[in-house]
Amino acid sequence: MTGLGYSVGCFQDLVIFGSGFVCDDSNGKSRQDQGASRMRWALIGCLSLLSFVSLDSRGDELAPAIIANLTVQQSSLPLETLRAIFAMRQRTLPDGQAVHVFVLPDDNPIHEAFSKKILGVYPHQLRLAWDRAVFSGTGQAPNEVDDETEMLEAVASTPGSVGYIKQTSLTDQVRVLDIE
């Protein structure tokens, strides 16, 4: 036998070529091995699966946590209440305490993840709601901070405040709010 290949017991010689596998049978005829096609599809499937896993791991890296000042008595809030607070439609917490909302800039990846994954809206939709309330004189926009460090400082130092950061950035300076 010439080229790359090997012989397995009484089976045919298997020769590897650039385009796939070719089996030489005893009559000297060549045929395309269907196993090569299956192997290609299996490889494509594995690579696709790995790309999804890597996308999911990045999503987990940006998974937002809702944080509150330690003076906030609630340990959890209903999703609708959270949406109303961050849309600036609700100005108090369920116990009557005034709420101060802190957000990151619209183009911040954590803000995007928070808006989409937690609130179920796009960042520009939140901005439109805030702008409409401000320009109509019926409400105000939340307090915008530059980054997570500033978010932690602002929420930790402002009684009744809420905000969000990456779960990996949590500290004991703030309380984590669960979503009901």
Protein backbone atom coordinates (compact mmCIF):
# COMPACT_ATOMS: atom_id res chain seq x y z
CA MET A 1 0.00 0.00 0.00
CA THR A 2 1.27 3.49 -0.81
CA GLY A 3 0.38 6.79 0.82
CA LEU A 4 -1.19 7.25 4.22
CA GLY A 5 -3.31 4.46 5.50
CA TYR A 6 -3.59 1.32 7.52
CA SER A 7 -5.10 -2.11 7.35
CA VAL A 8 -7.57 -3.33 9.95
CA GLY A 9 -7.86 -7.10 10.17
CA CYS A 10 -9.77 -8.48 7.22
CA PHE A 11 -11.31 -5.08 6.41
CA GLN A 12 -10.41 -3.00 3.41
CA ASP A 13 -7.44 -0.64 3.36
CA LEU A 14 -8.49 2.82 4.43
CA VAL A 15 -6.58 5.62 2.72
CA ILE A 16 -6.95 9.25 3.79
CA PHE A 17 -7.01 11.87 1.04
CA GLY A 18 -7.60 15.62 1.27
CA SER A 19 -11.28 15.41 0.35
CA GLY A 20 -12.26 12.61 2.71
CA PHE A 21 -11.88 8.91 3.17
CA VAL A 22 -11.60 6.49 0.26
CA CYS A 23 -11.81 2.74 0.68
CA ASP A 24 -9.91 0.46 -1.65
CA ASP A 25 -11.83 -2.78 -1.99
CA SER A 26 -10.38 -6.04 -3.27
CA ASN A 27 -11.44 -5.25 -6.85
CA GLY A 28 -9.35 -2.04 -6.90
CA LYS A 29 -12.49 0.15 -7.13
CA SER A 30 -12.78 3.30 -4.99
CA ARG A 31 -15.92 4.62 -3.36
CA GLN A 32 -16.57 7.62 -1.12
CA ASP A 33 -16.91 6.48 2.47
CA GLN A 34 -20.14 7.71 4.00
CA GLY A 35 -18.43 7.70 7.37
CA ALA A 36 -16.41 10.72 6.27
CA SER A 37 -19.58 12.65 5.60
CA ARG A 38 -20.92 11.70 9.03
CA MET A 39 -17.63 12.71 10.59
CA ARG A 40 -17.76 16.14 8.92
CA TRP A 41 -21.30 16.73 10.15
CA ALA A 42 -20.35 15.61 13.65
CA LEU A 43 -17.42 18.05 13.61
CA ILE A 44 -19.66 20.89 12.39
CA GLY A 45 -22.18 20.05 15.12
CA CYS A 46 -19.50 20.05 17.83
CA LEU A 47 -18.10 23.39 16.67
CA SER A 48 -21.59 24.90 16.60
CA LEU A 49 -22.27 23.63 20.11
CA LEU A 50 -18.99 25.08 21.36
CA SER A 51 -19.85 28.48 19.89
CA PHE A 52 -23.19 28.46 21.74
CA VAL A 53 -21.49 27.46 24.99
CA SER A 54 -19.01 30.30 24.66
CA LEU A 55 -21.84 32.78 23.98
CA ASP A 56 -23.71 31.54 27.04
CA SER A 57 -20.63 31.85 29.22
CA ARG A 58 -20.22 35.48 28.16
CA GLY A 59 -23.88 36.04 28.99
CA ASP A 60 -23.31 34.64 32.47
CA GLU A 61 -20.33 36.94 32.90
CA LEU A 62 -22.65 39.92 32.40
CA ALA A 63 -25.55 38.49 34.41
CA PRO A 64 -26.92 41.49 36.32
CA ALA A 65 -27.86 41.51 40.00
CA ILE A 66 -30.39 43.99 41.38
CA ILE A 67 -28.85 45.83 44.32
CA ALA A 68 -30.30 48.10 46.98
CA ASN A 69 -29.07 50.21 49.85
CA LEU A 70 -28.92 48.37 53.18
CA THR A 71 -31.78 50.56 54.48
CA VAL A 72 -34.17 48.92 52.01
CA GLN A 73 -36.22 46.41 54.00
CA GLN A 74 -37.37 44.22 51.09
CA SER A 75 -35.32 41.19 50.12
CA SER A 76 -37.30 40.74 46.90
CA LEU A 77 -39.60 42.66 44.59
CA PRO A 78 -42.20 41.53 42.06
CA LEU A 79 -41.01 41.90 38.46
CA GLU A 80 -43.79 44.39 37.66
CA THR A 81 -42.78 46.59 40.60
CA LEU A 82 -39.16 46.46 39.47
CA ARG A 83 -40.19 47.45 35.93
CA ALA A 84 -42.27 50.35 37.26
CA ILE A 85 -39.41 51.57 39.47
CA PHE A 86 -36.81 51.49 36.68
CA ALA A 87 -39.26 53.04 34.19
CA MET A 88 -39.65 55.83 36.80
CA ARG A 89 -43.41 55.26 37.05
CA GLN A 90 -43.20 54.23 40.72
CA ARG A 91 -41.41 56.55 43.14
CA THR A 92 -41.70 54.53 46.33
CA LEU A 93 -40.88 51.02 47.44
CA PRO A 94 -43.77 48.77 48.55
CA ASP A 95 -43.17 49.78 52.21
CA GLY A 96 -43.58 53.49 51.34
CA GLN A 97 -39.88 54.43 51.40
CA ALA A 98 -38.84 56.87 48.66
CA VAL A 99 -36.75 55.15 45.99
CA HIS A 100 -33.70 56.60 44.25
CA VAL A 101 -32.87 54.85 40.97
CA PHE A 102 -29.32 54.58 39.62
CA VAL A 103 -28.54 53.31 36.12
CA LEU A 104 -25.48 52.84 33.90
CA PRO A 105 -25.12 54.55 30.49
CA ASP A 106 -27.28 53.19 27.65
CA ASP A 107 -24.29 51.72 25.79
CA ASN A 108 -22.89 49.87 28.82
CA PRO A 109 -23.05 46.06 28.28
CA ILE A 110 -24.33 45.55 31.84
CA HIS A 111 -27.13 48.06 31.26
CA GLU A 112 -28.04 46.26 28.02
CA ALA A 113 -28.09 42.88 29.80
CA PHE A 114 -30.17 44.32 32.66
CA SER A 115 -32.67 45.97 30.33
CA LYS A 116 -33.11 42.94 28.10
CA LYS A 117 -32.81 40.03 30.55
CA ILE A 118 -34.45 41.49 33.65
CA LEU A 119 -36.85 44.19 32.46
CA GLY A 120 -37.56 42.67 29.05
CA VAL A 121 -37.08 45.93 27.13
CA TYR A 122 -34.34 47.44 25.01
CA PRO A 123 -32.23 50.25 26.51
CA HIS A 124 -33.55 52.75 23.97
CA GLN A 125 -37.12 51.98 25.09
CA LEU A 126 -36.22 52.89 28.66
CA ARG A 127 -34.54 56.08 27.47
CA LEU A 128 -37.65 57.04 25.47
CA ALA A 129 -39.87 56.56 28.53
CA TRP A 130 -37.54 58.65 30.70
CA ASP A 131 -37.23 61.42 28.10
CA ARG A 132 -41.00 61.55 27.60
CA ALA A 133 -41.58 61.92 31.35
CA VAL A 134 -38.92 64.63 31.68
CA PHE A 135 -39.99 66.65 28.63
CA SER A 136 -43.69 66.46 29.50
CA GLY A 137 -42.97 67.57 33.07
CA THR A 138 -44.64 64.49 34.55
CA GLY A 139 -41.54 62.73 35.85
CA GLN A 140 -37.80 62.58 36.06
CA ALA A 141 -34.98 60.46 34.71
CA PRO A 142 -32.96 58.14 36.94
CA ASN A 143 -29.52 59.10 38.21
CA GLU A 144 -26.90 57.94 35.70
CA VAL A 145 -23.49 56.79 36.93
CA ASP A 146 -20.43 56.11 34.79
CA ASP A 147 -19.46 52.58 35.86
CA GLU A 148 -20.01 49.76 38.34
CA THR A 149 -17.69 51.22 40.95
CA GLU A 150 -19.65 54.46 40.96
CA MET A 151 -22.91 52.45 41.01
CA LEU A 152 -21.80 50.56 44.13
CA GLU A 153 -20.75 53.79 45.86
CA ALA A 154 -23.98 55.60 44.96
CA VAL A 155 -26.32 52.79 46.01
CA ALA A 156 -24.34 52.09 49.21
CA SER A 157 -24.41 55.75 50.27
CA THR A 158 -27.99 56.70 49.28
CA PRO A 159 -30.81 55.44 51.54
CA GLY A 160 -33.66 53.87 49.58
CA SER A 161 -31.64 53.48 46.40
CA VAL A 162 -31.65 50.67 43.86
CA GLY A 163 -29.41 49.82 40.93
CA TYR A 164 -27.71 46.86 39.26
CA ILE A 165 -24.23 45.46 38.71
CA LYS A 166 -22.65 42.23 37.49
CA GLN A 167 -23.15 39.37 39.93
CA THR A 168 -19.40 38.89 40.00
CA SER A 169 -18.99 42.46 41.33
CA LEU A 170 -21.23 42.09 44.39
CA THR A 171 -19.97 43.29 47.78
CA ASP A 172 -21.41 43.37 51.29
CA GLN A 173 -21.95 47.16 51.00
CA VAL A 174 -25.31 46.55 49.32
CA ARG A 175 -28.29 44.23 49.56
CA VAL A 176 -29.19 41.92 46.67
CA LEU A 177 -32.86 41.99 45.69
CA ASP A 178 -34.44 38.84 44.33
CA ILE A 179 -37.16 38.99 41.70
CA GLU A 180 -40.52 37.42 42.62
